[in-house]
Amino acid sequence: MSSPSPSVLRRLHRLDRSLSGFHNQLSNVLYGEEYHQCVPNLQADELAWLVDYLDKVRHRATLSRPPAYAGVGSR
């Protein structure tokens, strides 16, 4: 799959998975405002790229939920 076109997805593509701070960088992108604005507008190929990317990096990063989301979905 070719690299993505929206700038936030290009930022993800450029992250160095071998760095010890990778999961922090990934979290910063995924919890950023630009990412949240971009995702609803992704085209099919961009969305496929994102899902594939996240599937590949999921073992490298354990994302904790930010405090604002701590109560969402819990009863």
PDB file of N, CA and C in Angstrom:
ATOM      1  N   MET A   1       0.845  -1.175   0.000  1.00  0.00           N
ATOM      2  CA  MET A   1       0.000   0.000   0.000  1.00  0.00           C
ATOM      3  C   MET A   1       0.895   1.244   0.000  1.00  0.00           C
ATOM      4  N   SER A   2       0.555   2.235  -0.776  1.00  0.00           N
ATOM      5  CA  SER A   2       1.352   3.454  -0.822  1.00  0.00           C
ATOM      6  C   SER A   2       1.127   4.287   0.439  1.00  0.00           C
ATOM      7  N   SER A   3       2.001   5.264   0.636  1.00  0.00           N
ATOM      8  CA  SER A   3       1.844   6.085   1.836  1.00  0.00           C
ATOM      9  C   SER A   3       0.625   6.996   1.682  1.00  0.00           C
ATOM     10  N   PRO A   4       0.027   7.362   2.802  1.00  0.00           N
ATOM     11  CA  PRO A   4      -1.234   8.107   2.810  1.00  0.00           C
ATOM     12  C   PRO A   4      -1.067   9.568   2.428  1.00  0.00           C
ATOM     13  N   SER A   5      -2.177  10.191   2.028  1.00  0.00           N
ATOM     14  CA  SER A   5      -2.099  11.590   1.634  1.00  0.00           C
ATOM     15  C   SER A   5      -2.425  12.601   2.731  1.00  0.00           C
ATOM     16  N   PRO A   6      -3.437  12.417   3.597  1.00  0.00           N
ATOM     17  CA  PRO A   6      -3.652  13.449   4.629  1.00  0.00           C
ATOM     18  C   PRO A   6      -2.408  13.594   5.524  1.00  0.00           C
ATOM     19  N   SER A   7      -2.117  14.826   5.899  1.00  0.00           N
ATOM     20  CA  SER A   7      -0.886  15.097   6.646  1.00  0.00           C
ATOM     21  C   SER A   7      -0.782  14.306   7.943  1.00  0.00           C
ATOM     22  N   VAL A   8      -1.872  14.092   8.639  1.00  0.00           N
ATOM     23  CA  VAL A   8      -1.806  13.351   9.896  1.00  0.00           C
ATOM     24  C   VAL A   8      -1.427  11.890   9.639  1.00  0.00           C
ATOM     25  N   LEU A   9      -1.885  11.340   8.537  1.00  0.00           N
ATOM     26  CA  LEU A   9      -1.511   9.972   8.210  1.00  0.00           C
ATOM     27  C   LEU A   9      -0.058   9.896   7.751  1.00  0.00           C
ATOM     28  N   ARG A  10       0.406  10.934   7.079  1.00  0.00           N
ATOM     29  CA  ARG A  10       1.834  10.975   6.715  1.00  0.00           C
ATOM     30  C   ARG A  10       2.693  11.041   7.970  1.00  0.00           C
ATOM     31  N   ARG A  11       2.225  11.762   9.004  1.00  0.00           N
ATOM     32  CA  ARG A  11       2.958  11.814  10.274  1.00  0.00           C
ATOM     33  C   ARG A  11       3.068  10.427  10.876  1.00  0.00           C
ATOM     34  N   LEU A  12       1.998   9.665  10.851  1.00  0.00           N
ATOM     35  CA  LEU A  12       2.036   8.292  11.361  1.00  0.00           C
ATOM     36  C   LEU A  12       3.040   7.466  10.561  1.00  0.00           C
ATOM     37  N   HIS A  13       2.989   7.608   9.256  1.00  0.00           N
ATOM     38  CA  HIS A  13       3.866   6.847   8.364  1.00  0.00           C
ATOM     39  C   HIS A  13       5.344   7.123   8.656  1.00  0.00           C
ATOM     40  N   ARG A  14       5.657   8.342   9.051  1.00  0.00           N
ATOM     41  CA  ARG A  14       7.050   8.728   9.297  1.00  0.00           C
ATOM     42  C   ARG A  14       7.561   8.360  10.684  1.00  0.00           C
ATOM     43  N   LEU A  15       6.689   7.933  11.596  1.00  0.00           N
ATOM     44  CA  LEU A  15       7.154   7.575  12.937  1.00  0.00           C
ATOM     45  C   LEU A  15       8.117   6.397  12.864  1.00  0.00           C
ATOM     46  N   ASP A  16       9.182   6.479  13.645  1.00  0.00           N
ATOM     47  CA  ASP A  16      10.184   5.417  13.668  1.00  0.00           C
ATOM     48  C   ASP A  16       9.797   4.398  14.744  1.00  0.00           C
ATOM     49  N   ARG A  17       9.346   3.243  14.313  1.00  0.00           N
ATOM     50  CA  ARG A  17       8.879   2.208  15.235  1.00  0.00           C
ATOM     51  C   ARG A  17       9.984   1.641  16.112  1.00  0.00           C
ATOM     52  N   SER A  18      11.224   1.842  15.734  1.00  0.00           N
ATOM     53  CA  SER A  18      12.329   1.278  16.503  1.00  0.00           C
ATOM     54  C   SER A  18      12.733   2.152  17.692  1.00  0.00           C
ATOM     55  N   LEU A  19      12.253   3.379  17.753  1.00  0.00           N
ATOM     56  CA  LEU A  19      12.614   4.274  18.858  1.00  0.00           C
ATOM     57  C   LEU A  19      11.861   3.901  20.132  1.00  0.00           C
ATOM     58  N   SER A  20      12.516   4.084  21.262  1.00  0.00           N
ATOM     59  CA  SER A  20      11.875   3.762  22.538  1.00  0.00           C
ATOM     60  C   SER A  20      10.674   4.663  22.822  1.00  0.00           C
ATOM     61  N   GLY A  21      10.645   5.844  22.267  1.00  0.00           N
ATOM     62  CA  GLY A  21       9.542   6.768  22.490  1.00  0.00           C
ATOM     63  C   GLY A  21       8.436   6.655  21.450  1.00  0.00           C
ATOM     64  N   PHE A  22       8.468   5.582  20.659  1.00  0.00           N
ATOM     65  CA  PHE A  22       7.479   5.412  19.600  1.00  0.00           C
ATOM     66  C   PHE A  22       6.055   5.474  20.130  1.00  0.00           C
ATOM     67  N   HIS A  23       5.758   4.753  21.208  1.00  0.00           N
ATOM     68  CA  HIS A  23       4.377   4.714  21.700  1.00  0.00           C
ATOM     69  C   HIS A  23       3.903   6.090  22.161  1.00  0.00           C
ATOM     70  N   ASN A  24       4.797   6.909  22.691  1.00  0.00           N
ATOM     71  CA  ASN A  24       4.412   8.276  23.070  1.00  0.00           C
ATOM     72  C   ASN A  24       4.097   9.122  21.843  1.00  0.00           C
ATOM     73  N   GLN A  25       4.928   8.985  20.824  1.00  0.00           N
ATOM     74  CA  GLN A  25       4.691   9.727  19.589  1.00  0.00           C
ATOM     75  C   GLN A  25       3.388   9.287  18.934  1.00  0.00           C
ATOM     76  N   LEU A  26       3.145   7.985  18.930  1.00  0.00           N
ATOM     77  CA  LEU A  26       1.915   7.455  18.358  1.00  0.00           C
ATOM     78  C   LEU A  26       0.699   7.971  19.118  1.00  0.00           C
ATOM     79  N   SER A  27       0.771   7.942  20.423  1.00  0.00           N
ATOM     80  CA  SER A  27      -0.324   8.458  21.251  1.00  0.00           C
ATOM     81  C   SER A  27      -0.587   9.932  20.974  1.00  0.00           C
ATOM     82  N   ASN A  28       0.483  10.707  20.850  1.00  0.00           N
ATOM     83  CA  ASN A  28       0.325  12.139  20.567  1.00  0.00           C
ATOM     84  C   ASN A  28      -0.426  12.369  19.267  1.00  0.00           C
ATOM     85  N   VAL A  29      -0.141  11.572  18.256  1.00  0.00           N
ATOM     86  CA  VAL A  29      -0.840  11.722  16.987  1.00  0.00           C
ATOM     87  C   VAL A  29      -2.291  11.264  17.122  1.00  0.00           C
ATOM     88  N   LEU A  30      -2.506  10.086  17.717  1.00  0.00           N
ATOM     89  CA  LEU A  30      -3.855   9.513  17.785  1.00  0.00           C
ATOM     90  C   LEU A  30      -4.801  10.292  18.680  1.00  0.00           C
ATOM     91  N   TYR A  31      -4.280  10.990  19.664  1.00  0.00           N
ATOM     92  CA  TYR A  31      -5.134  11.778  20.545  1.00  0.00           C
ATOM     93  C   TYR A  31      -5.152  13.255  20.174  1.00  0.00           C
ATOM     94  N   GLY A  32      -4.491  13.596  19.063  1.00  0.00           N
ATOM     95  CA  GLY A  32      -4.439  14.985  18.623  1.00  0.00           C
ATOM     96  C   GLY A  32      -5.708  15.419  17.901  1.00  0.00           C
ATOM     97  N   GLU A  33      -5.955  16.698  17.933  1.00  0.00           N
ATOM     98  CA  GLU A  33      -7.135  17.273  17.301  1.00  0.00           C
ATOM     99  C   GLU A  33      -7.128  17.053  15.783  1.00  0.00           C
ATOM    100  N   GLU A  34      -5.966  17.178  15.171  1.00  0.00           N
ATOM    101  CA  GLU A  34      -5.867  17.000  13.722  1.00  0.00           C
ATOM    102  C   GLU A  34      -6.322  15.600  13.311  1.00  0.00           C
ATOM    103  N   TYR A  35      -5.925  14.595  14.074  1.00  0.00           N
ATOM    104  CA  TYR A  35      -6.321  13.217  13.790  1.00  0.00           C
ATOM    105  C   TYR A  35      -7.842  13.062  13.884  1.00  0.00           C
ATOM    106  N   HIS A  36      -8.424  13.588  14.951  1.00  0.00           N
ATOM    107  CA  HIS A  36      -9.862  13.457  15.162  1.00  0.00           C
ATOM    108  C   HIS A  36     -10.670  14.187  14.082  1.00  0.00           C
ATOM    109  N   GLN A  37     -10.121  15.254  13.535  1.00  0.00           N
ATOM    110  CA  GLN A  37     -10.800  15.965  12.451  1.00  0.00           C
ATOM    111  C   GLN A  37     -10.636  15.230  11.123  1.00  0.00           C
ATOM    112  N   CYS A  38      -9.524  14.545  10.966  1.00  0.00           N
ATOM    113  CA  CYS A  38      -9.201  13.881   9.706  1.00  0.00           C
ATOM    114  C   CYS A  38      -9.961  12.570   9.514  1.00  0.00           C
ATOM    115  N   VAL A  39     -10.078  11.771  10.554  1.00  0.00           N
ATOM    116  CA  VAL A  39     -10.614  10.411  10.436  1.00  0.00           C
ATOM    117  C   VAL A  39     -11.997  10.339   9.791  1.00  0.00           C
ATOM    118  N   PRO A  40     -12.953  11.176  10.156  1.00  0.00           N
ATOM    119  CA  PRO A  40     -14.277  11.056   9.530  1.00  0.00           C
ATOM    120  C   PRO A  40     -14.281  11.327   8.018  1.00  0.00           C
ATOM    121  N   ASN A  41     -13.245  11.965   7.519  1.00  0.00           N
ATOM    122  CA  ASN A  41     -13.186  12.334   6.106  1.00  0.00           C
ATOM    123  C   ASN A  41     -12.274  11.440   5.278  1.00  0.00           C
ATOM    124  N   LEU A  42     -11.771  10.364   5.855  1.00  0.00           N
ATOM    125  CA  LEU A  42     -10.854   9.495   5.121  1.00  0.00           C
ATOM    126  C   LEU A  42     -11.580   8.775   3.989  1.00  0.00           C
ATOM    127  N   GLN A  43     -10.876   8.634   2.882  1.00  0.00           N
ATOM    128  CA  GLN A  43     -11.381   7.863   1.747  1.00  0.00           C
ATOM    129  C   GLN A  43     -11.081   6.388   2.019  1.00  0.00           C
ATOM    130  N   ALA A  44     -11.684   5.509   1.263  1.00  0.00           N
ATOM    131  CA  ALA A  44     -11.562   4.067   1.498  1.00  0.00           C
ATOM    132  C   ALA A  44     -10.108   3.593   1.531  1.00  0.00           C
ATOM    133  N   ASP A  45      -9.293   4.027   0.586  1.00  0.00           N
ATOM    134  CA  ASP A  45      -7.898   3.578   0.554  1.00  0.00           C
ATOM    135  C   ASP A  45      -7.102   4.138   1.727  1.00  0.00           C
ATOM    136  N   GLU A  46      -7.411   5.351   2.157  1.00  0.00           N
ATOM    137  CA  GLU A  46      -6.734   5.954   3.312  1.00  0.00           C
ATOM    138  C   GLU A  46      -7.137   5.233   4.592  1.00  0.00           C
ATOM    139  N   LEU A  47      -8.410   4.906   4.708  1.00  0.00           N
ATOM    140  CA  LEU A  47      -8.901   4.187   5.873  1.00  0.00           C
ATOM    141  C   LEU A  47      -8.288   2.787   5.934  1.00  0.00           C
ATOM    142  N   ALA A  48      -8.190   2.136   4.797  1.00  0.00           N
ATOM    143  CA  ALA A  48      -7.550   0.817   4.745  1.00  0.00           C
ATOM    144  C   ALA A  48      -6.090   0.913   5.183  1.00  0.00           C
ATOM    145  N   TRP A  49      -5.399   1.966   4.729  1.00  0.00           N
ATOM    146  CA  TRP A  49      -4.007   2.157   5.131  1.00  0.00           C
ATOM    147  C   TRP A  49      -3.906   2.322   6.646  1.00  0.00           C
ATOM    148  N   LEU A  50      -4.800   3.143   7.222  1.00  0.00           N
ATOM    149  CA  LEU A  50      -4.785   3.401   8.656  1.00  0.00           C
ATOM    150  C   LEU A  50      -5.031   2.122   9.451  1.00  0.00           C
ATOM    151  N   VAL A  51      -6.013   1.350   9.060  1.00  0.00           N
ATOM    152  CA  VAL A  51      -6.307   0.096   9.762  1.00  0.00           C
ATOM    153  C   VAL A  51      -5.117  -0.851   9.676  1.00  0.00           C
ATOM    154  N   ASP A  52      -4.521  -0.970   8.512  1.00  0.00           N
ATOM    155  CA  ASP A  52      -3.354  -1.828   8.326  1.00  0.00           C
ATOM    156  C   ASP A  52      -2.191  -1.349   9.199  1.00  0.00           C
ATOM    157  N   TYR A  53      -1.960  -0.043   9.204  1.00  0.00           N
ATOM    158  CA  TYR A  53      -0.876   0.529  10.008  1.00  0.00           C
ATOM    159  C   TYR A  53      -1.090   0.245  11.498  1.00  0.00           C
ATOM    160  N   LEU A  54      -2.287   0.523  11.986  1.00  0.00           N
ATOM    161  CA  LEU A  54      -2.563   0.313  13.409  1.00  0.00           C
ATOM    162  C   LEU A  54      -2.466  -1.159  13.778  1.00  0.00           C
ATOM    163  N   ASP A  55      -2.860  -2.037  12.879  1.00  0.00           N
ATOM    164  CA  ASP A  55      -2.733  -3.461  13.133  1.00  0.00           C
ATOM    165  C   ASP A  55      -1.265  -3.857  13.265  1.00  0.00           C
ATOM    166  N   LYS A  56      -0.413  -3.271  12.449  1.00  0.00           N
ATOM    167  CA  LYS A  56       1.020  -3.594  12.482  1.00  0.00           C
ATOM    168  C   LYS A  56       1.709  -3.045  13.725  1.00  0.00           C
ATOM    169  N   VAL A  57       1.254  -1.910  14.237  1.00  0.00           N
ATOM    170  CA  VAL A  57       1.952  -1.295  15.373  1.00  0.00           C
ATOM    171  C   VAL A  57       1.307  -1.610  16.716  1.00  0.00           C
ATOM    172  N   ARG A  58       0.177  -2.296  16.740  1.00  0.00           N
ATOM    173  CA  ARG A  58      -0.543  -2.506  18.001  1.00  0.00           C
ATOM    174  C   ARG A  58       0.267  -3.249  19.041  1.00  0.00           C
ATOM    175  N   HIS A  59       1.156  -4.118  18.640  1.00  0.00           N
ATOM    176  CA  HIS A  59       1.978  -4.827  19.613  1.00  0.00           C
ATOM    177  C   HIS A  59       3.088  -3.943  20.174  1.00  0.00           C
ATOM    178  N   ARG A  60       3.409  -2.844  19.503  1.00  0.00           N
ATOM    179  CA  ARG A  60       4.467  -1.936  19.945  1.00  0.00           C
ATOM    180  C   ARG A  60       3.962  -0.874  20.913  1.00  0.00           C
ATOM    181  N   ALA A  61       2.682  -0.669  20.953  1.00  0.00           N
ATOM    182  CA  ALA A  61       2.163   0.431  21.768  1.00  0.00           C
ATOM    183  C   ALA A  61       0.910  -0.007  22.513  1.00  0.00           C
ATOM    184  N   THR A  62       0.912   0.211  23.791  1.00  0.00           N
ATOM    185  CA  THR A  62      -0.291   0.018  24.576  1.00  0.00           C
ATOM    186  C   THR A  62      -0.778   1.404  24.930  1.00  0.00           C
ATOM    187  N   LEU A  63      -1.886   1.776  24.328  1.00  0.00           N
ATOM    188  CA  LEU A  63      -2.391   3.124  24.525  1.00  0.00           C
ATOM    189  C   LEU A  63      -3.312   3.153  25.729  1.00  0.00           C
ATOM    190  N   SER A  64      -3.005   4.013  26.649  1.00  0.00           N
ATOM    191  CA  SER A  64      -3.908   4.194  27.775  1.00  0.00           C
ATOM    192  C   SER A  64      -4.931   5.252  27.396  1.00  0.00           C
ATOM    193  N   ARG A  65      -6.124   5.112  27.937  1.00  0.00           N
ATOM    194  CA  ARG A  65      -7.159   6.091  27.637  1.00  0.00           C
ATOM    195  C   ARG A  65      -6.849   7.382  28.372  1.00  0.00           C
ATOM    196  N   PRO A  66      -7.012   8.522  27.707  1.00  0.00           N
ATOM    197  CA  PRO A  66      -6.799   9.795  28.396  1.00  0.00           C
ATOM    198  C   PRO A  66      -7.890   9.982  29.449  1.00  0.00           C
ATOM    199  N   PRO A  67      -7.634  10.781  30.491  1.00  0.00           N
ATOM    200  CA  PRO A  67      -8.599  10.972  31.569  1.00  0.00           C
ATOM    201  C   PRO A  67      -9.993  11.358  31.092  1.00  0.00           C
ATOM    202  N   ALA A  68     -10.114  12.107  30.016  1.00  0.00           N
ATOM    203  CA  ALA A  68     -11.418  12.539  29.522  1.00  0.00           C
ATOM    204  C   ALA A  68     -12.284  11.366  29.078  1.00  0.00           C
ATOM    205  N   TYR A  69     -11.653  10.246  28.715  1.00  0.00           N
ATOM    206  CA  TYR A  69     -12.379   9.092  28.235  1.00  0.00           C
ATOM    207  C   TYR A  69     -12.525   7.981  29.283  1.00  0.00           C
ATOM    208  N   ALA A  70     -12.010   8.204  30.468  1.00  0.00           N
ATOM    209  CA  ALA A  70     -11.984   7.154  31.490  1.00  0.00           C
ATOM    210  C   ALA A  70     -13.364   6.625  31.820  1.00  0.00           C
ATOM    211  N   GLY A  71     -14.394   7.451  31.816  1.00  0.00           N
ATOM    212  CA  GLY A  71     -15.727   6.996  32.189  1.00  0.00           C
ATOM    213  C   GLY A  71     -16.591   6.586  31.010  1.00  0.00           C
ATOM    214  N   VAL A  72     -16.134   6.811  29.801  1.00  0.00           N
ATOM    215  CA  VAL A  72     -16.923   6.511  28.619  1.00  0.00           C
ATOM    216  C   VAL A  72     -17.047   4.996  28.478  1.00  0.00           C
ATOM    217  N   GLY A  73     -18.259   4.531  28.345  1.00  0.00           N
ATOM    218  CA  GLY A  73     -18.490   3.109  28.116  1.00  0.00           C
ATOM    219  C   GLY A  73     -18.542   2.266  29.374  1.00  0.00           C
ATOM    220  N   SER A  74     -18.256   2.837  30.513  1.00  0.00           N
ATOM    221  CA  SER A  74     -18.318   2.065  31.751  1.00  0.00           C
ATOM    222  C   SER A  74     -19.615   2.396  32.483  1.00  0.00           C
ATOM    223  N   ARG A  75     -20.089   1.450  33.203  1.00  0.00           N
ATOM    224  CA  ARG A  75     -21.339   1.651  33.937  1.00  0.00           C
ATOM    225  C   ARG A  75     -21.080   1.579  35.405  1.00  0.00           C
TER     226      ARG A  75
END
